[in-house]
């Protein structure tokens, strides 16, 4: 089993863990919302008791029904003080092509990968894609203006990221597309595109460019954690 397969298995494991954490968080928020409703109901009942007691300024301890103190209930909106980064950045409408960030063997990695729908309708990471490290990520960011210029001028281009990985702008079916891909050397020593990589249409590339800050937030979140 090569390193990419290990990374893929680790990515799938972390996706399952993240989905479980999100489900637990949703249940927690539902519980706190119910507690908030109980608090409001308690306050309303106290108000009615005060009215029934006439001009009394406080409720007798013998009939007080304030069993849940308002100060003990947190507002669900304030539970998360710092917004958590999204678990995945979608690059197309249906979310098949995604960027995710995780830690594998102590290193932060970014996965550009195409997902597929499993039999239970759950989206799972497929074999089409590529994993890059932080150095290659920074090289990719530096290449954004060059790639944008290629799209604008309608020309092809190729920019190195490291470890024989490149971001290429290629003509395909009379349309330009971006391709983050790993290359290899053939018998004659010429660089050829390999299987590891992900094609991005011009729309998907532009979507990626608008989400660079969101990816950076995910990286910062892992570095701080």
Protein backbone atom coordinates (compact mmCIF):
# COMPACT_ATOMS: atom_id res chain seq x y z
CA UNK A 1 0.00 0.00 0.00
CA UNK A 2 1.68 3.26 -1.15
CA UNK A 3 1.67 6.57 0.71
CA UNK A 4 -1.17 8.03 -1.40
CA UNK A 5 -3.38 5.05 -0.55
CA UNK A 6 -2.55 5.51 3.15
CA UNK A 7 -3.37 9.20 2.86
CA UNK A 8 -6.65 8.34 1.15
CA UNK A 9 -7.60 5.89 3.91
CA UNK A 10 -6.64 8.46 6.54
CA UNK A 11 -8.70 11.09 4.74
CA UNK A 12 -11.72 8.79 4.67
CA UNK A 13 -11.28 8.05 8.39
CA UNK A 14 -11.07 11.74 9.23
CA UNK A 15 -14.13 12.49 7.09
CA UNK A 16 -16.11 9.91 9.11
CA UNK A 17 -14.79 11.37 12.39
CA UNK A 18 -15.66 14.92 11.30
CA UNK A 19 -19.19 13.87 10.29
CA UNK A 20 -19.64 12.22 13.69
CA UNK A 21 -18.44 15.37 15.48
CA UNK A 22 -20.79 17.55 13.42
CA UNK A 23 -23.71 15.24 14.26
CA UNK A 24 -22.85 15.43 17.96
CA UNK A 25 -22.63 19.21 17.76
CA UNK A 26 -26.06 19.41 16.10
CA UNK A 27 -27.56 17.27 18.89
CA UNK A 28 -25.92 19.51 21.49
CA UNK A 29 -27.36 22.62 19.87
CA UNK A 30 -30.82 21.01 19.76
CA UNK A 31 -30.59 20.20 23.47
CA UNK A 32 -29.52 23.72 24.35
CA UNK A 33 -32.35 25.13 22.23
CA UNK A 34 -34.81 23.02 24.24
CA UNK A 35 -33.26 24.27 27.48
CA UNK A 36 -33.67 27.83 26.23
CA UNK A 37 -37.35 27.15 25.55
CA UNK A 38 -37.68 25.74 29.08
CA UNK A 39 -36.06 28.89 30.47
CA UNK A 40 -38.49 31.14 28.60
CA UNK A 41 -41.41 29.01 29.74
CA UNK A 42 -40.18 29.22 33.34
CA UNK A 43 -39.94 33.02 33.15
CA UNK A 44 -43.47 33.24 31.76
CA UNK A 45 -44.85 31.06 34.54
CA UNK A 46 -43.03 33.15 37.15
CA UNK A 47 -44.57 36.27 35.66
CA UNK A 48 -48.05 34.73 35.91
CA UNK A 49 -47.44 33.74 39.53
CA UNK A 50 -46.37 37.28 40.36
CA UNK A 51 -49.53 38.65 38.81
CA UNK A 52 -51.67 36.20 40.81
CA UNK A 53 -49.91 37.25 43.99
CA UNK A 54 -51.09 40.80 43.48
CA UNK A 55 -48.52 43.39 44.47
CA UNK A 56 -45.98 40.94 45.90
CA UNK A 57 -42.45 41.83 44.81
CA UNK A 58 -41.11 38.28 44.84
CA UNK A 59 -42.32 34.72 44.77
CA UNK A 60 -42.30 32.79 47.99
CA UNK A 61 -39.61 30.07 47.99
CA UNK A 62 -42.38 27.59 48.75
CA UNK A 63 -44.01 28.14 45.38
CA UNK A 64 -41.04 29.13 43.24
CA UNK A 65 -40.82 27.07 40.07
CA UNK A 66 -37.51 28.46 38.83
CA UNK A 67 -35.82 25.08 38.85
CA UNK A 68 -33.51 26.06 35.96
CA UNK A 69 -31.55 29.27 36.45
CA UNK A 70 -31.33 31.43 33.31
CA UNK A 71 -27.66 32.11 34.04
CA UNK A 72 -26.94 28.38 33.82
CA UNK A 73 -28.14 28.15 30.23
CA UNK A 74 -25.86 29.29 27.45
CA UNK A 75 -27.10 30.89 24.29
CA UNK A 76 -26.41 28.32 21.52
CA UNK A 77 -25.13 31.15 19.34
CA UNK A 78 -22.30 31.84 21.77
CA UNK A 79 -21.07 28.27 22.21
CA UNK A 80 -18.52 28.57 19.41
CA UNK A 81 -16.50 31.71 20.08
CA UNK A 82 -14.38 31.27 16.96
CA UNK A 83 -16.01 30.04 13.74
CA UNK A 84 -14.69 26.62 12.83
CA UNK A 85 -13.40 26.28 9.27
CA UNK A 86 -15.54 24.30 6.85
CA UNK A 87 -14.72 20.60 6.67
CA UNK A 88 -14.56 20.83 2.88
CA UNK A 89 -14.37 23.51 0.21
CA UNK A 90 -16.69 22.67 -2.68
CA UNK A 91 -15.37 23.53 -6.14
CA UNK A 92 -18.51 22.65 -8.08
CA UNK A 93 -22.24 22.88 -7.57
CA UNK A 94 -22.84 19.36 -6.32
CA UNK A 95 -19.68 19.06 -4.23
CA UNK A 96 -18.01 16.24 -6.15
CA UNK A 97 -14.74 18.17 -6.38
CA UNK A 98 -13.51 19.32 -2.99
CA UNK A 99 -10.53 20.61 -1.07
CA UNK A 100 -9.96 19.27 2.43
CA UNK A 101 -7.15 19.93 4.89
CA UNK A 102 -5.89 17.48 7.49
CA UNK A 103 -2.83 16.28 9.38
CA UNK A 104 -1.15 13.03 8.35
CA UNK A 105 1.97 11.76 10.15
CA UNK A 106 2.43 15.19 11.73
CA UNK A 107 2.29 17.12 8.43
CA UNK A 108 -0.51 19.36 7.17
CA UNK A 109 -1.76 18.15 3.80
CA UNK A 110 -4.26 19.54 1.31
CA UNK A 111 -6.37 17.14 -0.71
CA UNK A 112 -7.79 18.15 -4.09
CA UNK A 113 -10.10 15.25 -4.75
CA UNK A 114 -13.20 14.13 -6.59
CA UNK A 115 -15.86 12.47 -4.44
CA UNK A 116 -18.44 9.87 -5.40
CA UNK A 117 -21.82 8.90 -3.99
CA UNK A 118 -21.78 5.55 -2.20
CA UNK A 119 -24.70 3.13 -2.04
CA UNK A 120 -26.01 4.81 1.12
CA UNK A 121 -25.91 8.20 -0.69
CA UNK A 122 -22.92 9.24 1.44
CA UNK A 123 -20.24 11.21 -0.41
CA UNK A 124 -16.83 9.51 -0.15
CA UNK A 125 -13.37 10.49 -1.46
CA UNK A 126 -12.46 8.69 -4.67
CA UNK A 127 -9.17 7.85 -6.34
CA UNK A 128 -9.16 10.86 -8.67
CA UNK A 129 -7.17 13.64 -7.06
CA UNK A 130 -3.86 14.73 -5.64
CA UNK A 131 -2.45 15.54 -2.21
CA UNK A 132 -0.01 18.43 -1.76
CA UNK A 133 2.03 19.66 1.19
CA UNK A 134 2.27 23.20 2.54
CA UNK A 135 5.30 24.13 0.40
CA UNK A 136 3.42 23.10 -2.74
CA UNK A 137 0.34 24.95 -1.49
CA UNK A 138 2.31 28.19 -1.16
CA UNK A 139 3.72 27.65 -4.66
CA UNK A 140 0.17 27.13 -5.95
CA UNK A 141 -0.96 30.40 -4.39
CA UNK A 142 1.95 32.24 -6.02
CA UNK A 143 0.91 30.82 -9.40
CA UNK A 144 -2.66 32.11 -9.19
CA UNK A 145 -1.98 35.37 -11.05
CA UNK A 146 -0.10 33.54 -13.82
CA UNK A 147 -2.91 31.01 -14.22
CA UNK A 148 -5.51 33.78 -14.24
CA UNK A 149 -3.54 35.55 -16.97
CA UNK A 150 -3.50 32.36 -19.06
CA UNK A 151 -7.29 32.14 -18.84
CA UNK A 152 -7.62 35.82 -19.68
CA UNK A 153 -5.33 35.65 -22.70
CA UNK A 154 -6.53 32.22 -23.84
CA UNK A 155 -3.08 30.62 -23.75
CA UNK A 156 -1.62 27.50 -22.14
CA UNK A 157 0.87 27.55 -19.28
CA UNK A 158 2.73 25.33 -16.83
CA UNK A 159 4.00 26.30 -13.37
CA UNK A 160 6.00 24.13 -11.01
CA UNK A 161 4.83 23.44 -7.47
CA UNK A 162 7.56 20.98 -6.41
CA UNK A 163 8.19 17.21 -6.44
CA UNK A 164 7.28 17.04 -10.15
CA UNK A 165 3.86 18.58 -9.35
CA UNK A 166 2.61 21.35 -11.64
CA UNK A 167 -0.40 23.57 -12.15
CA UNK A 168 -1.06 23.52 -15.87
CA UNK A 169 -3.46 25.44 -18.09
CA UNK A 170 -4.38 23.19 -21.01
CA UNK A 171 -6.65 23.38 -24.03
CA UNK A 172 -9.27 20.63 -23.94
CA UNK A 173 -12.22 20.48 -26.33
CA UNK A 174 -11.61 24.10 -27.31
CA UNK A 175 -11.78 25.19 -23.68
CA UNK A 176 -9.03 26.03 -21.22
CA UNK A 177 -8.89 24.12 -17.96
CA UNK A 178 -6.54 24.09 -14.98
CA UNK A 179 -4.89 20.84 -13.99
CA UNK A 180 -3.04 20.22 -10.73
CA UNK A 181 -1.00 17.14 -11.59
CA UNK A 182 2.01 15.03 -10.76
CA UNK A 183 4.36 14.27 -13.66
CA UNK A 184 6.88 11.48 -14.22
CA UNK A 185 9.86 10.99 -16.50
CA UNK A 186 9.53 8.48 -19.31
CA UNK A 187 12.35 6.32 -20.70
CA UNK A 188 13.66 9.23 -22.75
CA UNK A 189 13.72 11.53 -19.73
CA UNK A 190 10.73 13.62 -20.86
CA UNK A 191 8.13 14.76 -18.32
CA UNK A 192 4.73 13.17 -18.83
CA UNK A 193 1.46 13.76 -16.93
CA UNK A 194 0.67 10.99 -14.44
CA UNK A 195 -2.55 9.64 -12.96
CA UNK A 196 -2.43 11.70 -9.76
CA UNK A 197 -4.16 15.02 -10.31
CA UNK A 198 -7.43 16.90 -10.68
CA UNK A 199 -8.85 18.84 -13.62
CA UNK A 200 -10.63 22.11 -12.86
CA UNK A 201 -12.80 23.94 -15.36
CA UNK A 202 -12.45 27.70 -15.57
CA UNK A 203 -15.51 28.00 -13.29
CA UNK A 204 -14.03 25.59 -10.76
CA UNK A 205 -10.67 27.37 -10.87
CA UNK A 206 -12.35 30.71 -10.20
CA UNK A 207 -14.28 29.10 -7.35
CA UNK A 208 -10.99 27.85 -5.92
CA UNK A 209 -9.45 31.34 -6.13
CA UNK A 210 -12.36 32.84 -4.17
CA UNK A 211 -11.94 30.15 -1.46
CA UNK A 212 -8.19 30.52 -0.85
CA UNK A 213 -8.80 32.43 2.39
CA UNK A 214 -11.15 29.69 3.61
CA UNK A 215 -8.43 27.11 2.95
CA UNK A 216 -5.94 29.29 4.84
CA UNK A 217 -8.37 29.41 7.78
CA UNK A 218 -8.45 25.62 7.80
CA UNK A 219 -4.64 25.49 7.83
CA UNK A 220 -4.46 28.05 10.65
CA UNK A 221 -7.03 26.05 12.64
CA UNK A 222 -4.86 22.91 12.43
CA UNK A 223 -1.66 24.80 13.26
CA UNK A 224 -3.27 26.38 16.32
CA UNK A 225 -4.76 23.06 17.43
